Amino acid sequence: MTLVWPSREQLDSYADALRRGWSPDNVRGLAATEEELARIGHDPDAFVSSLVDREAKGERIVLDDGTTVPRLPGYTQWMWDGEFCGSINFRWQPGTEALPPHCLGHIGYGVVPWKQGLGYATEAVRAILPAAAAEGLRYVEIMTGADNDASRRVIEKNGGVFVEEFVTLPSLGSRRELRFRISLELTS
């Protein structure tokens, strides 16, 4: 498994994963899947280019409660083993490790169900850590649901240390989450 930049060449495989029921958003699920497919159908090139926004020039983010918040710099890479098998996102605020309360961590990831258990998420997190260090971050924070043991293992295998349990904002579903921190001092 390698991380690749989203491209038109791999877009059909990504769209196929969406049609098979995978969602790039573990909070919004099917609604996010349908939105992605509509965006791909409307303008595939714009969709692909929207996945890399290092200057945060994209539209504001609309939360589930209708609140809009500024976009952070960030990008998505796709996990690839000859076909699309998941995605990993990295976002940050320049000059600080701090994130706004609506942003649940620097890194988010998801593996398609038919490729889970192969170590792809662990490898993807490991592969993206040097990029986070290159942005000047001393550490990244990753959140996972309190009952998501598989994600917790991915984070811990990458040096994640438990920080706290908390409840997300109502605009994010008031869910119990765990916050982990991974030091990047040895990564760069």
C-alpha atoms as a PDB file:
ATOM      1  CA  MET A   1       0.000   0.000   0.000  1.00  0.00           C
ATOM      2  CA  THR A   2       1.245   3.473  -0.880  1.00  0.00           C
ATOM      3  CA  LEU A   3      -0.211   6.948  -0.511  1.00  0.00           C
ATOM      4  CA  VAL A   4      -0.980   8.657  -3.806  1.00  0.00           C
ATOM      5  CA  TRP A   5      -2.227  12.106  -4.685  1.00  0.00           C
ATOM      6  CA  PRO A   6      -5.814  12.030  -5.934  1.00  0.00           C
ATOM      7  CA  SER A   7      -5.930  12.017  -9.722  1.00  0.00           C
ATOM      8  CA  ARG A   8      -8.329  11.489 -12.591  1.00  0.00           C
ATOM      9  CA  GLU A   9      -6.563   8.195 -13.337  1.00  0.00           C
ATOM     10  CA  GLN A  10      -7.619   6.774  -9.951  1.00  0.00           C
ATOM     11  CA  LEU A  11     -10.967   8.567  -9.673  1.00  0.00           C
ATOM     12  CA  ASP A  12     -13.027   5.685 -11.089  1.00  0.00           C
ATOM     13  CA  SER A  13     -11.685   3.370  -8.390  1.00  0.00           C
ATOM     14  CA  TYR A  14     -12.504   5.967  -5.712  1.00  0.00           C
ATOM     15  CA  ALA A  15     -16.043   6.432  -7.076  1.00  0.00           C
ATOM     16  CA  ASP A  16     -16.492   2.650  -7.171  1.00  0.00           C
ATOM     17  CA  ALA A  17     -15.662   2.473  -3.441  1.00  0.00           C
ATOM     18  CA  LEU A  18     -18.289   5.147  -2.792  1.00  0.00           C
ATOM     19  CA  ARG A  19     -20.882   3.214  -4.814  1.00  0.00           C
ATOM     20  CA  ARG A  20     -20.014   0.079  -2.826  1.00  0.00           C
ATOM     21  CA  GLY A  21     -21.001   1.888   0.391  1.00  0.00           C
ATOM     22  CA  TRP A  22     -17.741   3.339   1.718  1.00  0.00           C
ATOM     23  CA  SER A  23     -17.942   6.876   3.086  1.00  0.00           C
ATOM     24  CA  PRO A  24     -15.079   9.361   3.379  1.00  0.00           C
ATOM     25  CA  ASP A  25     -16.800  10.837   6.451  1.00  0.00           C
ATOM     26  CA  ASN A  26     -17.392   8.676   9.520  1.00  0.00           C
ATOM     27  CA  VAL A  27     -19.780  11.254  10.998  1.00  0.00           C
ATOM     28  CA  ARG A  28     -21.997  12.036   8.006  1.00  0.00           C
ATOM     29  CA  GLY A  29     -21.842   8.598   6.371  1.00  0.00           C
ATOM     30  CA  LEU A  30     -24.193   8.088   3.429  1.00  0.00           C
ATOM     31  CA  ALA A  31     -24.962  11.815   3.060  1.00  0.00           C
ATOM     32  CA  ALA A  32     -21.252  12.518   2.508  1.00  0.00           C
ATOM     33  CA  THR A  33     -21.005   9.618   0.061  1.00  0.00           C
ATOM     34  CA  GLU A  34     -23.907  10.960  -2.006  1.00  0.00           C
ATOM     35  CA  GLU A  35     -22.402  14.467  -2.005  1.00  0.00           C
ATOM     36  CA  GLU A  36     -19.044  13.141  -3.196  1.00  0.00           C
ATOM     37  CA  LEU A  37     -20.647  11.182  -6.027  1.00  0.00           C
ATOM     38  CA  ALA A  38     -22.660  14.249  -7.082  1.00  0.00           C
ATOM     39  CA  ARG A  39     -19.533  16.426  -7.078  1.00  0.00           C
ATOM     40  CA  ILE A  40     -17.641  13.848  -9.136  1.00  0.00           C
ATOM     41  CA  GLY A  41     -20.527  13.616 -11.596  1.00  0.00           C
ATOM     42  CA  HIS A  42     -20.780  17.396 -11.926  1.00  0.00           C
ATOM     43  CA  ASP A  43     -17.073  18.208 -12.408  1.00  0.00           C
ATOM     44  CA  PRO A  44     -14.535  15.427 -11.849  1.00  0.00           C
ATOM     45  CA  ASP A  45     -11.512  17.705 -12.357  1.00  0.00           C
ATOM     46  CA  ALA A  46     -12.762  20.240  -9.801  1.00  0.00           C
ATOM     47  CA  PHE A  47     -13.454  17.414  -7.362  1.00  0.00           C
ATOM     48  CA  VAL A  48      -9.939  16.016  -7.642  1.00  0.00           C
ATOM     49  CA  SER A  49      -8.312  19.445  -7.317  1.00  0.00           C
ATOM     50  CA  SER A  50     -10.451  20.276  -4.249  1.00  0.00           C
ATOM     51  CA  LEU A  51      -8.788  17.458  -2.307  1.00  0.00           C
ATOM     52  CA  VAL A  52      -5.509  19.388  -2.080  1.00  0.00           C
ATOM     53  CA  ASP A  53      -5.976  22.848  -0.563  1.00  0.00           C
ATOM     54  CA  ARG A  54      -2.747  23.819   1.181  1.00  0.00           C
ATOM     55  CA  GLU A  55      -3.751  27.513   1.230  1.00  0.00           C
ATOM     56  CA  ALA A  56      -7.328  26.995   2.506  1.00  0.00           C
ATOM     57  CA  LYS A  57      -8.806  28.720  -0.528  1.00  0.00           C
ATOM     58  CA  GLY A  58     -11.833  26.412  -0.736  1.00  0.00           C
ATOM     59  CA  GLU A  59     -15.318  27.198   0.435  1.00  0.00           C
ATOM     60  CA  ARG A  60     -16.153  27.458   4.115  1.00  0.00           C
ATOM     61  CA  ILE A  61     -17.065  24.200   5.853  1.00  0.00           C
ATOM     62  CA  VAL A  62     -20.738  23.697   6.696  1.00  0.00           C
ATOM     63  CA  LEU A  63     -21.243  21.756   9.940  1.00  0.00           C
ATOM     64  CA  ASP A  64     -24.272  19.499  10.488  1.00  0.00           C
ATOM     65  CA  ASP A  65     -26.106  22.212  12.406  1.00  0.00           C
ATOM     66  CA  GLY A  66     -25.712  24.639   9.479  1.00  0.00           C
ATOM     67  CA  THR A  67     -22.911  26.640  11.087  1.00  0.00           C
ATOM     68  CA  THR A  68     -20.131  27.610   8.695  1.00  0.00           C
ATOM     69  CA  VAL A  69     -16.499  27.708   9.732  1.00  0.00           C
ATOM     70  CA  PRO A  70     -13.296  28.685   7.912  1.00  0.00           C
ATOM     71  CA  ARG A  71     -11.461  25.982   6.005  1.00  0.00           C
ATOM     72  CA  LEU A  72      -8.029  24.978   7.306  1.00  0.00           C
ATOM     73  CA  PRO A  73      -5.074  24.287   5.021  1.00  0.00           C
ATOM     74  CA  GLY A  74      -4.995  20.599   4.259  1.00  0.00           C
ATOM     75  CA  TYR A  75      -5.106  17.775   1.794  1.00  0.00           C
ATOM     76  CA  THR A  76      -6.246  14.235   1.185  1.00  0.00           C
ATOM     77  CA  GLN A  77      -4.165  11.366  -0.095  1.00  0.00           C
ATOM     78  CA  TRP A  78      -5.534   8.036  -1.235  1.00  0.00           C
ATOM     79  CA  MET A  79      -4.383   4.642  -0.034  1.00  0.00           C
ATOM     80  CA  TRP A  80      -3.581   2.612  -3.121  1.00  0.00           C
ATOM     81  CA  ASP A  81      -2.662  -1.041  -3.632  1.00  0.00           C
ATOM     82  CA  GLY A  82      -3.549  -1.240  -7.304  1.00  0.00           C
ATOM     83  CA  GLU A  83      -7.019   0.080  -6.485  1.00  0.00           C
ATOM     84  CA  PHE A  84      -8.453   2.629  -4.064  1.00  0.00           C
ATOM     85  CA  CYS A  85      -8.480   1.243  -0.538  1.00  0.00           C
ATOM     86  CA  GLY A  86      -8.935   4.292   1.717  1.00  0.00           C
ATOM     87  CA  SER A  87      -8.036   7.901   2.346  1.00  0.00           C
ATOM     88  CA  ILE A  88      -6.073   9.939   4.841  1.00  0.00           C
ATOM     89  CA  ASN A  89      -6.523  13.649   5.483  1.00  0.00           C
ATOM     90  CA  PHE A  90      -4.085  16.081   7.036  1.00  0.00           C
ATOM     91  CA  ARG A  91      -5.061  19.599   8.146  1.00  0.00           C
ATOM     92  CA  TRP A  92      -3.313  22.225  10.230  1.00  0.00           C
ATOM     93  CA  GLN A  93      -3.243  25.855  11.332  1.00  0.00           C
ATOM     94  CA  PRO A  94       0.017  27.507  10.249  1.00  0.00           C
ATOM     95  CA  GLY A  95       2.295  28.418  13.137  1.00  0.00           C
ATOM     96  CA  THR A  96       0.561  26.381  15.840  1.00  0.00           C
ATOM     97  CA  GLU A  97      -0.457  22.873  16.816  1.00  0.00           C
ATOM     98  CA  ALA A  98      -3.782  24.250  18.101  1.00  0.00           C
ATOM     99  CA  LEU A  99      -6.928  23.437  16.150  1.00  0.00           C
ATOM    100  CA  PRO A 100     -10.339  25.091  16.373  1.00  0.00           C
ATOM    101  CA  PRO A 101     -12.913  23.167  18.447  1.00  0.00           C
ATOM    102  CA  HIS A 102     -14.855  22.073  15.348  1.00  0.00           C
ATOM    103  CA  CYS A 103     -11.794  20.288  13.931  1.00  0.00           C
ATOM    104  CA  LEU A 104     -11.330  16.800  15.351  1.00  0.00           C
ATOM    105  CA  GLY A 105      -7.629  16.304  14.913  1.00  0.00           C
ATOM    106  CA  HIS A 106      -4.851  16.935  12.440  1.00  0.00           C
ATOM    107  CA  ILE A 107      -5.247  13.548  10.774  1.00  0.00           C
ATOM    108  CA  GLY A 108      -8.296  11.555   9.790  1.00  0.00           C
ATOM    109  CA  TYR A 109      -8.373   8.272   7.895  1.00  0.00           C
ATOM    110  CA  GLY A 110     -10.648   5.534   6.684  1.00  0.00           C
ATOM    111  CA  VAL A 111     -10.132   2.197   4.957  1.00  0.00           C
ATOM    112  CA  VAL A 112     -12.753   0.551   2.763  1.00  0.00           C
ATOM    113  CA  PRO A 113     -14.386  -2.360   4.636  1.00  0.00           C
ATOM    114  CA  TRP A 114     -13.079  -4.997   2.207  1.00  0.00           C
ATOM    115  CA  LYS A 115      -9.469  -3.929   2.908  1.00  0.00           C
ATOM    116  CA  GLN A 116      -9.673  -3.489   6.684  1.00  0.00           C
ATOM    117  CA  GLY A 117      -7.386  -5.571   8.857  1.00  0.00           C
ATOM    118  CA  LEU A 118      -4.456  -5.419   6.412  1.00  0.00           C
ATOM    119  CA  GLY A 119      -2.520  -2.705   8.276  1.00  0.00           C
ATOM    120  CA  TYR A 120      -3.249  -0.016   5.671  1.00  0.00           C
ATOM    121  CA  ALA A 121      -4.421   2.615   8.170  1.00  0.00           C
ATOM    122  CA  THR A 122      -1.323   2.067  10.326  1.00  0.00           C
ATOM    123  CA  GLU A 123       0.940   2.459   7.289  1.00  0.00           C
ATOM    124  CA  ALA A 124      -0.942   5.535   6.041  1.00  0.00           C
ATOM    125  CA  VAL A 125      -0.604   7.333   9.386  1.00  0.00           C
ATOM    126  CA  ARG A 126       3.085   6.409   9.560  1.00  0.00           C
ATOM    127  CA  ALA A 127       3.612   7.715   6.007  1.00  0.00           C
ATOM    128  CA  ILE A 128       1.943  11.087   6.614  1.00  0.00           C
ATOM    129  CA  LEU A 129       3.748  11.957   9.859  1.00  0.00           C
ATOM    130  CA  PRO A 130       6.882  13.331   8.110  1.00  0.00           C
ATOM    131  CA  ALA A 131       4.651  15.719   6.118  1.00  0.00           C
ATOM    132  CA  ALA A 132       3.148  16.982   9.367  1.00  0.00           C
ATOM    133  CA  ALA A 133       6.631  17.532  10.782  1.00  0.00           C
ATOM    134  CA  ALA A 134       7.593  19.397   7.599  1.00  0.00           C
ATOM    135  CA  GLU A 135       4.765  21.875   8.318  1.00  0.00           C
ATOM    136  CA  GLY A 136       6.566  22.750  11.567  1.00  0.00           C
ATOM    137  CA  LEU A 137       4.281  20.843  13.909  1.00  0.00           C
ATOM    138  CA  ARG A 138       5.863  19.323  17.022  1.00  0.00           C
ATOM    139  CA  TYR A 139       2.970  16.907  17.416  1.00  0.00           C
ATOM    140  CA  VAL A 140      -0.344  15.940  15.854  1.00  0.00           C
ATOM    141  CA  GLU A 141      -3.575  15.090  17.560  1.00  0.00           C
ATOM    142  CA  ILE A 142      -5.831  12.306  16.322  1.00  0.00           C
ATOM    143  CA  MET A 143      -9.303  11.585  17.641  1.00  0.00           C
ATOM    144  CA  THR A 144     -11.248   8.365  17.557  1.00  0.00           C
ATOM    145  CA  GLY A 145     -14.588   7.226  18.857  1.00  0.00           C
ATOM    146  CA  ALA A 146     -14.453   5.900  22.396  1.00  0.00           C
ATOM    147  CA  ASP A 147     -15.565   2.472  21.154  1.00  0.00           C
ATOM    148  CA  ASN A 148     -13.314   2.264  18.066  1.00  0.00           C
ATOM    149  CA  ASP A 149     -10.678  -0.206  19.235  1.00  0.00           C
ATOM    150  CA  ALA A 150      -9.221  -0.730  15.743  1.00  0.00           C
ATOM    151  CA  SER A 151      -8.540   2.984  15.295  1.00  0.00           C
ATOM    152  CA  ARG A 152      -7.062   3.207  18.779  1.00  0.00           C
ATOM    153  CA  ARG A 153      -4.596   0.423  17.860  1.00  0.00           C
ATOM    154  CA  VAL A 154      -3.619   2.274  14.645  1.00  0.00           C
ATOM    155  CA  ILE A 155      -2.873   5.423  16.628  1.00  0.00           C
ATOM    156  CA  GLU A 156      -0.967   3.610  19.376  1.00  0.00           C
ATOM    157  CA  LYS A 157       1.152   1.667  16.828  1.00  0.00           C
ATOM    158  CA  ASN A 158       2.244   5.076  15.529  1.00  0.00           C
ATOM    159  CA  GLY A 159       3.291   6.313  18.960  1.00  0.00           C
ATOM    160  CA  GLY A 160      -0.019   7.880  19.961  1.00  0.00           C
ATOM    161  CA  VAL A 161      -0.375   8.666  23.649  1.00  0.00           C
ATOM    162  CA  PHE A 162      -3.829   9.015  25.212  1.00  0.00           C
ATOM    163  CA  VAL A 163      -4.580  12.606  26.272  1.00  0.00           C
ATOM    164  CA  GLU A 164      -8.255  12.705  27.250  1.00  0.00           C
ATOM    165  CA  GLU A 165     -11.810  11.573  26.679  1.00  0.00           C
ATOM    166  CA  PHE A 166     -14.245  14.340  25.720  1.00  0.00           C
ATOM    167  CA  VAL A 167     -17.637  15.002  24.154  1.00  0.00           C
ATOM    168  CA  THR A 168     -17.715  16.714  20.758  1.00  0.00           C
ATOM    169  CA  LEU A 169     -19.582  19.934  20.158  1.00  0.00           C
ATOM    170  CA  PRO A 170     -23.326  19.549  19.501  1.00  0.00           C
ATOM    171  CA  SER A 171     -22.647  20.603  15.890  1.00  0.00           C
ATOM    172  CA  LEU A 172     -20.474  17.463  15.653  1.00  0.00           C
ATOM    173  CA  GLY A 173     -23.004  15.113  17.207  1.00  0.00           C
ATOM    174  CA  SER A 174     -22.133  15.316  20.946  1.00  0.00           C
ATOM    175  CA  ARG A 175     -20.186  12.052  20.621  1.00  0.00           C
ATOM    176  CA  ARG A 176     -17.693  10.583  23.084  1.00  0.00           C
ATOM    177  CA  GLU A 177     -14.225  10.772  21.554  1.00  0.00           C
ATOM    178  CA  LEU A 178     -10.687   9.982  22.655  1.00  0.00           C
ATOM    179  CA  ARG A 179      -7.839  12.413  21.952  1.00  0.00           C
ATOM    180  CA  PHE A 180      -4.355  11.034  21.263  1.00  0.00           C
ATOM    181  CA  ARG A 181      -1.119  12.907  20.593  1.00  0.00           C
ATOM    182  CA  ILE A 182       1.775  11.702  18.439  1.00  0.00           C
ATOM    183  CA  SER A 183       5.107  13.466  18.905  1.00  0.00           C
ATOM    184  CA  LEU A 184       6.843  14.403  15.646  1.00  0.00           C
ATOM    185  CA  GLU A 185      10.223  15.279  17.118  1.00  0.00           C
ATOM    186  CA  LEU A 186      11.776  12.029  15.891  1.00  0.00           C
ATOM    187  CA  THR A 187       9.840  11.986  12.594  1.00  0.00           C
ATOM    188  CA  SER A 188      11.436  14.841  10.652  1.00  0.00           C
END
